[in-house]
Amino acid sequence: MGYKDPAKSREYQREWREKNREKFRAKSREYYREKHPNCKHRYGVFHHDFETHHQLAINSGIETVLEWVMCHKMGLFPDGIYSNPDQAFRRK
């Protein structure tokens, strides 16, 4: 349905997005959780938990933050791995 008035069209689109936003977000979360059950949603992206990061560091032999950052910049980690997990998982 298109409106000739652009303002009316934008208002209709905004209302539709707000009405259906949660439905689409819930569907995408469920789809991703089926593939990656130990991930949680943060800032619009799914990230792995602390245990996954810890095991990745142990298994890959990374000992320092500098090594971790360099590996992340080279793209050696899968999606959902923080570039700075020491900041992401610090105690507040």
PDB file of N, CA and C in Angstrom:
ATOM      1  N   MET A   1       0.850  -1.163   0.000  1.00  0.00           N
ATOM      2  CA  MET A   1       0.000   0.000   0.000  1.00  0.00           C
ATOM      3  C   MET A   1       0.897   1.228   0.000  1.00  0.00           C
ATOM      4  N   GLY A   2       0.779   2.049  -0.974  1.00  0.00           N
ATOM      5  CA  GLY A   2       1.607   3.241  -1.056  1.00  0.00           C
ATOM      6  C   GLY A   2       0.777   4.501  -0.903  1.00  0.00           C
ATOM      7  N   TYR A   3       1.339   5.458  -0.228  1.00  0.00           N
ATOM      8  CA  TYR A   3       0.695   6.745  -0.070  1.00  0.00           C
ATOM      9  C   TYR A   3       1.383   7.753  -0.978  1.00  0.00           C
ATOM     10  N   LYS A   4       0.613   8.709  -1.490  1.00  0.00           N
ATOM     11  CA  LYS A   4       1.206   9.761  -2.305  1.00  0.00           C
ATOM     12  C   LYS A   4       1.971  10.743  -1.424  1.00  0.00           C
ATOM     13  N   ASP A   5       1.512  10.903  -0.198  1.00  0.00           N
ATOM     14  CA  ASP A   5       2.170  11.817   0.734  1.00  0.00           C
ATOM     15  C   ASP A   5       3.320  11.078   1.426  1.00  0.00           C
ATOM     16  N   PRO A   6       4.575  11.503   1.253  1.00  0.00           N
ATOM     17  CA  PRO A   6       5.708  10.798   1.865  1.00  0.00           C
ATOM     18  C   PRO A   6       5.654  10.765   3.386  1.00  0.00           C
ATOM     19  N   ALA A   7       5.119  11.803   4.004  1.00  0.00           N
ATOM     20  CA  ALA A   7       5.035  11.829   5.467  1.00  0.00           C
ATOM     21  C   ALA A   7       4.083  10.747   5.971  1.00  0.00           C
ATOM     22  N   LYS A   8       2.972  10.580   5.276  1.00  0.00           N
ATOM     23  CA  LYS A   8       2.014   9.548   5.659  1.00  0.00           C
ATOM     24  C   LYS A   8       2.604   8.151   5.464  1.00  0.00           C
ATOM     25  N   SER A   9       3.349   7.997   4.382  1.00  0.00           N
ATOM     26  CA  SER A   9       3.998   6.710   4.107  1.00  0.00           C
ATOM     27  C   SER A   9       5.010   6.373   5.189  1.00  0.00           C
ATOM     28  N   ARG A  10       5.826   7.338   5.587  1.00  0.00           N
ATOM     29  CA  ARG A  10       6.815   7.102   6.653  1.00  0.00           C
ATOM     30  C   ARG A  10       6.134   6.757   7.969  1.00  0.00           C
ATOM     31  N   GLU A  11       5.035   7.434   8.258  1.00  0.00           N
ATOM     32  CA  GLU A  11       4.295   7.158   9.495  1.00  0.00           C
ATOM     33  C   GLU A  11       3.728   5.736   9.481  1.00  0.00           C
ATOM     34  N   TYR A  12       3.178   5.312   8.338  1.00  0.00           N
ATOM     35  CA  TYR A  12       2.658   3.955   8.231  1.00  0.00           C
ATOM     36  C   TYR A  12       3.769   2.932   8.415  1.00  0.00           C
ATOM     37  N   GLN A  13       4.932   3.141   7.789  1.00  0.00           N
ATOM     38  CA  GLN A  13       6.055   2.211   7.919  1.00  0.00           C
ATOM     39  C   GLN A  13       6.564   2.146   9.349  1.00  0.00           C
ATOM     40  N   ARG A  14       6.641   3.300  10.033  1.00  0.00           N
ATOM     41  CA  ARG A  14       7.101   3.331  11.420  1.00  0.00           C
ATOM     42  C   ARG A  14       6.152   2.549  12.317  1.00  0.00           C
ATOM     43  N   GLU A  15       4.855   2.746  12.128  1.00  0.00           N
ATOM     44  CA  GLU A  15       3.868   2.013  12.933  1.00  0.00           C
ATOM     45  C   GLU A  15       3.964   0.513  12.681  1.00  0.00           C
ATOM     46  N   TRP A  16       4.117   0.109  11.426  1.00  0.00           N
ATOM     47  CA  TRP A  16       4.216  -1.318  11.100  1.00  0.00           C
ATOM     48  C   TRP A  16       5.455  -1.939  11.732  1.00  0.00           C
ATOM     49  N   ARG A  17       6.610  -1.234  11.652  1.00  0.00           N
ATOM     50  CA  ARG A  17       7.839  -1.751  12.249  1.00  0.00           C
ATOM     51  C   ARG A  17       7.706  -1.926  13.753  1.00  0.00           C
ATOM     52  N   GLU A  18       7.121  -0.941  14.417  1.00  0.00           N
ATOM     53  CA  GLU A  18       6.966  -1.037  15.866  1.00  0.00           C
ATOM     54  C   GLU A  18       6.010  -2.162  16.246  1.00  0.00           C
ATOM     55  N   LYS A  19       4.988  -2.376  15.450  1.00  0.00           N
ATOM     56  CA  LYS A  19       4.014  -3.419  15.743  1.00  0.00           C
ATOM     57  C   LYS A  19       4.616  -4.818  15.563  1.00  0.00           C
ATOM     58  N   ASN A  20       5.496  -5.004  14.593  1.00  0.00           N
ATOM     59  CA  ASN A  20       6.006  -6.331  14.253  1.00  0.00           C
ATOM     60  C   ASN A  20       7.446  -6.578  14.689  1.00  0.00           C
ATOM     61  N   ARG A  21       8.083  -5.618  15.316  1.00  0.00           N
ATOM     62  CA  ARG A  21       9.501  -5.722  15.662  1.00  0.00           C
ATOM     63  C   ARG A  21       9.800  -6.927  16.556  1.00  0.00           C
ATOM     64  N   GLU A  22       9.062  -7.089  17.634  1.00  0.00           N
ATOM     65  CA  GLU A  22       9.346  -8.179  18.576  1.00  0.00           C
ATOM     66  C   GLU A  22       9.139  -9.549  17.952  1.00  0.00           C
ATOM     67  N   LYS A  23       8.149  -9.672  17.072  1.00  0.00           N
ATOM     68  CA  LYS A  23       7.891 -10.949  16.419  1.00  0.00           C
ATOM     69  C   LYS A  23       9.100 -11.397  15.606  1.00  0.00           C
ATOM     70  N   PHE A  24       9.689 -10.492  14.832  1.00  0.00           N
ATOM     71  CA  PHE A  24      10.835 -10.843  14.005  1.00  0.00           C
ATOM     72  C   PHE A  24      12.093 -11.037  14.838  1.00  0.00           C
ATOM     73  N   ARG A  25      12.254 -10.253  15.908  1.00  0.00           N
ATOM     74  CA  ARG A  25      13.408 -10.438  16.780  1.00  0.00           C
ATOM     75  C   ARG A  25      13.366 -11.799  17.466  1.00  0.00           C
ATOM     76  N   ALA A  26      12.201 -12.184  17.958  1.00  0.00           N
ATOM     77  CA  ALA A  26      12.067 -13.476  18.641  1.00  0.00           C
ATOM     78  C   ALA A  26      12.345 -14.627  17.679  1.00  0.00           C
ATOM     79  N   LYS A  27      11.864 -14.510  16.459  1.00  0.00           N
ATOM     80  CA  LYS A  27      12.088 -15.562  15.471  1.00  0.00           C
ATOM     81  C   LYS A  27      13.572 -15.715  15.147  1.00  0.00           C
ATOM     82  N   SER A  28      14.287 -14.590  14.994  1.00  0.00           N
ATOM     83  CA  SER A  28      15.715 -14.679  14.677  1.00  0.00           C
ATOM     84  C   SER A  28      16.504 -15.211  15.869  1.00  0.00           C
ATOM     85  N   ARG A  29      16.107 -14.840  17.094  1.00  0.00           N
ATOM     86  CA  ARG A  29      16.790 -15.375  18.276  1.00  0.00           C
ATOM     87  C   ARG A  29      16.637 -16.888  18.363  1.00  0.00           C
ATOM     88  N   GLU A  30      15.427 -17.393  18.158  1.00  0.00           N
ATOM     89  CA  GLU A  30      15.194 -18.837  18.235  1.00  0.00           C
ATOM     90  C   GLU A  30      15.978 -19.578  17.154  1.00  0.00           C
ATOM     91  N   TYR A  31      16.031 -19.026  15.955  1.00  0.00           N
ATOM     92  CA  TYR A  31      16.765 -19.655  14.871  1.00  0.00           C
ATOM     93  C   TYR A  31      18.247 -19.751  15.214  1.00  0.00           C
ATOM     94  N   TYR A  32      18.809 -18.673  15.755  1.00  0.00           N
ATOM     95  CA  TYR A  32      20.240 -18.678  16.070  1.00  0.00           C
ATOM     96  C   TYR A  32      20.540 -19.582  17.260  1.00  0.00           C
ATOM     97  N   ARG A  33      19.659 -19.615  18.248  1.00  0.00           N
ATOM     98  CA  ARG A  33      19.892 -20.457  19.426  1.00  0.00           C
ATOM     99  C   ARG A  33      19.852 -21.939  19.084  1.00  0.00           C
ATOM    100  N   GLU A  34      19.102 -22.304  18.052  1.00  0.00           N
ATOM    101  CA  GLU A  34      19.104 -23.698  17.615  1.00  0.00           C
ATOM    102  C   GLU A  34      20.484 -24.087  17.110  1.00  0.00           C
ATOM    103  N   LYS A  35      21.150 -23.168  16.419  1.00  0.00           N
ATOM    104  CA  LYS A  35      22.475 -23.454  15.884  1.00  0.00           C
ATOM    105  C   LYS A  35      23.555 -23.326  16.947  1.00  0.00           C
ATOM    106  N   HIS A  36      23.434 -22.337  17.839  1.00  0.00           N
ATOM    107  CA  HIS A  36      24.458 -22.042  18.839  1.00  0.00           C
ATOM    108  C   HIS A  36      23.797 -21.912  20.211  1.00  0.00           C
ATOM    109  N   PRO A  37      23.594 -23.018  20.926  1.00  0.00           N
ATOM    110  CA  PRO A  37      22.856 -22.955  22.188  1.00  0.00           C
ATOM    111  C   PRO A  37      23.578 -22.222  23.310  1.00  0.00           C
ATOM    112  N   ASN A  38      24.915 -22.052  23.253  1.00  0.00           N
ATOM    113  CA  ASN A  38      25.611 -21.391  24.347  1.00  0.00           C
ATOM    114  C   ASN A  38      25.864 -19.910  24.067  1.00  0.00           C
ATOM    115  N   CYS A  39      25.148 -19.329  23.134  1.00  0.00           N
ATOM    116  CA  CYS A  39      25.318 -17.919  22.808  1.00  0.00           C
ATOM    117  C   CYS A  39      24.239 -17.090  23.493  1.00  0.00           C
ATOM    118  N   LYS A  40      24.547 -15.827  23.743  1.00  0.00           N
ATOM    119  CA  LYS A  40      23.538 -14.918  24.245  1.00  0.00           C
ATOM    120  C   LYS A  40      23.566 -13.627  23.438  1.00  0.00           C
ATOM    121  N   HIS A  41      22.447 -12.940  23.427  1.00  0.00           N
ATOM    122  CA  HIS A  41      22.250 -11.776  22.572  1.00  0.00           C
ATOM    123  C   HIS A  41      22.734 -10.523  23.287  1.00  0.00           C
ATOM    124  N   ARG A  42      23.658  -9.773  22.660  1.00  0.00           N
ATOM    125  CA  ARG A  42      24.132  -8.513  23.206  1.00  0.00           C
ATOM    126  C   ARG A  42      24.329  -7.517  22.085  1.00  0.00           C
ATOM    127  N   TYR A  43      23.761  -6.344  22.252  1.00  0.00           N
ATOM    128  CA  TYR A  43      23.982  -5.234  21.324  1.00  0.00           C
ATOM    129  C   TYR A  43      23.690  -5.602  19.874  1.00  0.00           C
ATOM    130  N   GLY A  44      22.641  -6.371  19.645  1.00  0.00           N
ATOM    131  CA  GLY A  44      22.251  -6.705  18.286  1.00  0.00           C
ATOM    132  C   GLY A  44      23.009  -7.862  17.668  1.00  0.00           C
ATOM    133  N   VAL A  45      23.972  -8.427  18.381  1.00  0.00           N
ATOM    134  CA  VAL A  45      24.778  -9.525  17.861  1.00  0.00           C
ATOM    135  C   VAL A  45      24.814 -10.626  18.914  1.00  0.00           C
ATOM    136  N   PHE A  46      24.838 -11.871  18.495  1.00  0.00           N
ATOM    137  CA  PHE A  46      24.963 -12.974  19.426  1.00  0.00           C
ATOM    138  C   PHE A  46      26.431 -13.195  19.736  1.00  0.00           C
ATOM    139  N   HIS A  47      26.761 -13.284  21.012  1.00  0.00           N
ATOM    140  CA  HIS A  47      28.133 -13.523  21.445  1.00  0.00           C
ATOM    141  C   HIS A  47      28.186 -14.763  22.312  1.00  0.00           C
ATOM    142  N   HIS A  48      29.320 -15.445  22.268  1.00  0.00           N
ATOM    143  CA  HIS A  48      29.505 -16.640  23.077  1.00  0.00           C
ATOM    144  C   HIS A  48      29.770 -16.268  24.523  1.00  0.00           C
ATOM    145  N   ASP A  49      29.558 -17.211  25.421  1.00  0.00           N
ATOM    146  CA  ASP A  49      29.734 -16.959  26.846  1.00  0.00           C
ATOM    147  C   ASP A  49      31.205 -17.051  27.249  1.00  0.00           C
ATOM    148  N   PHE A  50      31.474 -16.803  28.531  1.00  0.00           N
ATOM    149  CA  PHE A  50      32.836 -16.773  29.035  1.00  0.00           C
ATOM    150  C   PHE A  50      33.539 -18.114  28.859  1.00  0.00           C
ATOM    151  N   GLU A  51      32.825 -19.203  29.126  1.00  0.00           N
ATOM    152  CA  GLU A  51      33.442 -20.536  29.041  1.00  0.00           C
ATOM    153  C   GLU A  51      33.942 -20.835  27.625  1.00  0.00           C
ATOM    154  N   THR A  52      33.183 -20.440  26.623  1.00  0.00           N
ATOM    155  CA  THR A  52      33.605 -20.657  25.237  1.00  0.00           C
ATOM    156  C   THR A  52      34.866 -19.865  24.925  1.00  0.00           C
ATOM    157  N   HIS A  53      34.919 -18.608  25.386  1.00  0.00           N
ATOM    158  CA  HIS A  53      36.118 -17.794  25.184  1.00  0.00           C
ATOM    159  C   HIS A  53      37.320 -18.414  25.907  1.00  0.00           C
ATOM    160  N   HIS A  54      37.088 -18.894  27.114  1.00  0.00           N
ATOM    161  CA  HIS A  54      38.164 -19.489  27.915  1.00  0.00           C
ATOM    162  C   HIS A  54      38.735 -20.732  27.222  1.00  0.00           C
ATOM    163  N   GLN A  55      37.863 -21.610  26.754  1.00  0.00           N
ATOM    164  CA  GLN A  55      38.309 -22.827  26.069  1.00  0.00           C
ATOM    165  C   GLN A  55      39.017 -22.495  24.754  1.00  0.00           C
ATOM    166  N   LEU A  56      38.561 -21.479  24.053  1.00  0.00           N
ATOM    167  CA  LEU A  56      39.209 -21.068  22.814  1.00  0.00           C
ATOM    168  C   LEU A  56      40.637 -20.592  23.083  1.00  0.00           C
ATOM    169  N   ALA A  57      40.822 -19.828  24.147  1.00  0.00           N
ATOM    170  CA  ALA A  57      42.163 -19.343  24.491  1.00  0.00           C
ATOM    171  C   ALA A  57      43.079 -20.499  24.881  1.00  0.00           C
ATOM    172  N   ILE A  58      42.573 -21.436  25.655  1.00  0.00           N
ATOM    173  CA  ILE A  58      43.391 -22.574  26.089  1.00  0.00           C
ATOM    174  C   ILE A  58      43.763 -23.453  24.901  1.00  0.00           C
ATOM    175  N   ASN A  59      42.782 -23.792  24.081  1.00  0.00           N
ATOM    176  CA  ASN A  59      43.019 -24.702  22.956  1.00  0.00           C
ATOM    177  C   ASN A  59      43.898 -24.094  21.868  1.00  0.00           C
ATOM    178  N   SER A  60      43.858 -22.778  21.705  1.00  0.00           N
ATOM    179  CA  SER A  60      44.661 -22.150  20.662  1.00  0.00           C
ATOM    180  C   SER A  60      46.046 -21.741  21.154  1.00  0.00           C
ATOM    181  N   GLY A  61      46.272 -21.815  22.453  1.00  0.00           N
ATOM    182  CA  GLY A  61      47.594 -21.484  22.994  1.00  0.00           C
ATOM    183  C   GLY A  61      47.844 -20.001  23.167  1.00  0.00           C
ATOM    184  N   ILE A  62      46.796 -19.206  23.154  1.00  0.00           N
ATOM    185  CA  ILE A  62      46.944 -17.762  23.325  1.00  0.00           C
ATOM    186  C   ILE A  62      47.197 -17.468  24.798  1.00  0.00           C
ATOM    187  N   GLU A  63      48.259 -16.681  25.062  1.00  0.00           N
ATOM    188  CA  GLU A  63      48.624 -16.395  26.447  1.00  0.00           C
ATOM    189  C   GLU A  63      48.468 -14.924  26.824  1.00  0.00           C
ATOM    190  N   THR A  64      48.470 -14.014  25.859  1.00  0.00           N
ATOM    191  CA  THR A  64      48.388 -12.594  26.188  1.00  0.00           C
ATOM    192  C   THR A  64      47.237 -11.936  25.443  1.00  0.00           C
ATOM    193  N   VAL A  65      46.858 -10.760  25.942  1.00  0.00           N
ATOM    194  CA  VAL A  65      45.789  -9.989  25.300  1.00  0.00           C
ATOM    195  C   VAL A  65      46.225  -9.547  23.907  1.00  0.00           C
ATOM    196  N   LEU A  66      47.502  -9.209  23.756  1.00  0.00           N
ATOM    197  CA  LEU A  66      48.012  -8.770  22.458  1.00  0.00           C
ATOM    198  C   LEU A  66      47.877  -9.881  21.410  1.00  0.00           C
ATOM    199  N   GLU A  67      48.192 -11.109  21.786  1.00  0.00           N
ATOM    200  CA  GLU A  67      48.023 -12.243  20.856  1.00  0.00           C
ATOM    201  C   GLU A  67      46.555 -12.414  20.480  1.00  0.00           C
ATOM    202  N   TRP A  68      45.664 -12.270  21.473  1.00  0.00           N
ATOM    203  CA  TRP A  68      44.232 -12.422  21.229  1.00  0.00           C
ATOM    204  C   TRP A  68      43.756 -11.373  20.222  1.00  0.00           C
ATOM    205  N   VAL A  69      44.144 -10.119  20.436  1.00  0.00           N
ATOM    206  CA  VAL A  69      43.708  -9.033  19.558  1.00  0.00           C
ATOM    207  C   VAL A  69      44.238  -9.239  18.140  1.00  0.00           C
ATOM    208  N   MET A  70      45.484  -9.669  18.016  1.00  0.00           N
ATOM    209  CA  MET A  70      46.052  -9.901  16.682  1.00  0.00           C
ATOM    210  C   MET A  70      45.315 -11.033  15.958  1.00  0.00           C
ATOM    211  N   CYS A  71      45.006 -12.101  16.681  1.00  0.00           N
ATOM    212  CA  CYS A  71      44.260 -13.210  16.060  1.00  0.00           C
ATOM    213  C   CYS A  71      42.869 -12.754  15.635  1.00  0.00           C
ATOM    214  N   HIS A  72      42.247 -11.915  16.450  1.00  0.00           N
ATOM    215  CA  HIS A  72      40.909 -11.423  16.109  1.00  0.00           C
ATOM    216  C   HIS A  72      40.965 -10.527  14.875  1.00  0.00           C
ATOM    217  N   LYS A  73      41.992  -9.675  14.789  1.00  0.00           N
ATOM    218  CA  LYS A  73      42.134  -8.794  13.625  1.00  0.00           C
ATOM    219  C   LYS A  73      42.398  -9.581  12.347  1.00  0.00           C
ATOM    220  N   MET A  74      43.107 -10.697  12.456  1.00  0.00           N
ATOM    221  CA  MET A  74      43.383 -11.521  11.280  1.00  0.00           C
ATOM    222  C   MET A  74      42.172 -12.340  10.863  1.00  0.00           C
ATOM    223  N   GLY A  75      41.139 -12.371  11.700  1.00  0.00           N
ATOM    224  CA  GLY A  75      39.913 -13.083  11.369  1.00  0.00           C
ATOM    225  C   GLY A  75      39.980 -14.573  11.637  1.00  0.00           C
ATOM    226  N   LEU A  76      40.767 -14.978  12.607  1.00  0.00           N
ATOM    227  CA  LEU A  76      40.919 -16.399  12.918  1.00  0.00           C
ATOM    228  C   LEU A  76      39.812 -16.925  13.824  1.00  0.00           C
ATOM    229  N   PHE A  77      39.037 -16.041  14.427  1.00  0.00           N
ATOM    230  CA  PHE A  77      37.978 -16.462  15.337  1.00  0.00           C
ATOM    231  C   PHE A  77      36.637 -16.482  14.614  1.00  0.00           C
ATOM    232  N   PRO A  78      35.715 -17.333  15.051  1.00  0.00           N
ATOM    233  CA  PRO A  78      34.376 -17.344  14.444  1.00  0.00           C
ATOM    234  C   PRO A  78      33.563 -16.131  14.894  1.00  0.00           C
ATOM    235  N   ASP A  79      32.413 -15.922  14.265  1.00  0.00           N
ATOM    236  CA  ASP A  79      31.519 -14.832  14.661  1.00  0.00           C
ATOM    237  C   ASP A  79      31.045 -15.065  16.089  1.00  0.00           C
ATOM    238  N   GLY A  80      30.843 -13.985  16.814  1.00  0.00           N
ATOM    239  CA  GLY A  80      30.348 -14.084  18.178  1.00  0.00           C
ATOM    240  C   GLY A  80      31.437 -14.132  19.224  1.00  0.00           C
ATOM    241  N   ILE A  81      32.694 -13.940  18.820  1.00  0.00           N
ATOM    242  CA  ILE A  81      33.818 -13.908  19.750  1.00  0.00           C
ATOM    243  C   ILE A  81      34.232 -12.452  19.916  1.00  0.00           C
ATOM    244  N   TYR A  82      34.347 -12.015  21.169  1.00  0.00           N
ATOM    245  CA  TYR A  82      34.730 -10.634  21.444  1.00  0.00           C
ATOM    246  C   TYR A  82      36.177 -10.382  21.041  1.00  0.00           C
ATOM    247  N   SER A  83      36.452  -9.146  20.619  1.00  0.00           N
ATOM    248  CA  SER A  83      37.835  -8.781  20.326  1.00  0.00           C
ATOM    249  C   SER A  83      38.592  -8.496  21.614  1.00  0.00           C
ATOM    250  N   ASN A  84      37.894  -8.049  22.654  1.00  0.00           N
ATOM    251  CA  ASN A  84      38.497  -7.787  23.957  1.00  0.00           C
ATOM    252  C   ASN A  84      37.656  -8.443  25.050  1.00  0.00           C
ATOM    253  N   PRO A  85      37.782  -9.744  25.245  1.00  0.00           N
ATOM    254  CA  PRO A  85      36.943 -10.395  26.258  1.00  0.00           C
ATOM    255  C   PRO A  85      37.294  -9.965  27.676  1.00  0.00           C
ATOM    256  N   ASP A  86      38.522  -9.469  27.893  1.00  0.00           N
ATOM    257  CA  ASP A  86      38.870  -8.998  29.231  1.00  0.00           C
ATOM    258  C   ASP A  86      38.007  -7.797  29.631  1.00  0.00           C
ATOM    259  N   GLN A  87      37.611  -6.995  28.663  1.00  0.00           N
ATOM    260  CA  GLN A  87      36.718  -5.864  28.962  1.00  0.00           C
ATOM    261  C   GLN A  87      35.267  -6.304  28.995  1.00  0.00           C
ATOM    262  N   ALA A  88      34.897  -7.242  28.145  1.00  0.00           N
ATOM    263  CA  ALA A  88      33.508  -7.674  28.070  1.00  0.00           C
ATOM    264  C   ALA A  88      33.073  -8.447  29.314  1.00  0.00           C
ATOM    265  N   PHE A  89      33.976  -9.220  29.896  1.00  0.00           N
ATOM    266  CA  PHE A  89      33.633 -10.065  31.037  1.00  0.00           C
ATOM    267  C   PHE A  89      34.207  -9.567  32.355  1.00  0.00           C
ATOM    268  N   ARG A  90      34.642  -8.315  32.413  1.00  0.00           N
ATOM    269  CA  ARG A  90      35.223  -7.809  33.670  1.00  0.00           C
ATOM    270  C   ARG A  90      34.122  -7.654  34.721  1.00  0.00           C
ATOM    271  N   ARG A  91      34.537  -7.727  35.969  1.00  0.00           N
ATOM    272  CA  ARG A  91      33.602  -7.538  37.069  1.00  0.00           C
ATOM    273  C   ARG A  91      33.366  -6.054  37.271  1.00  0.00           C
ATOM    274  N   LYS A  92      32.142  -5.713  37.577  1.00  0.00           N
ATOM    275  CA  LYS A  92      31.800  -4.285  37.726  1.00  0.00           C
ATOM    276  C   LYS A  92      31.699  -3.913  39.173  1.00  0.00           C
TER     277      LYS A  92
END
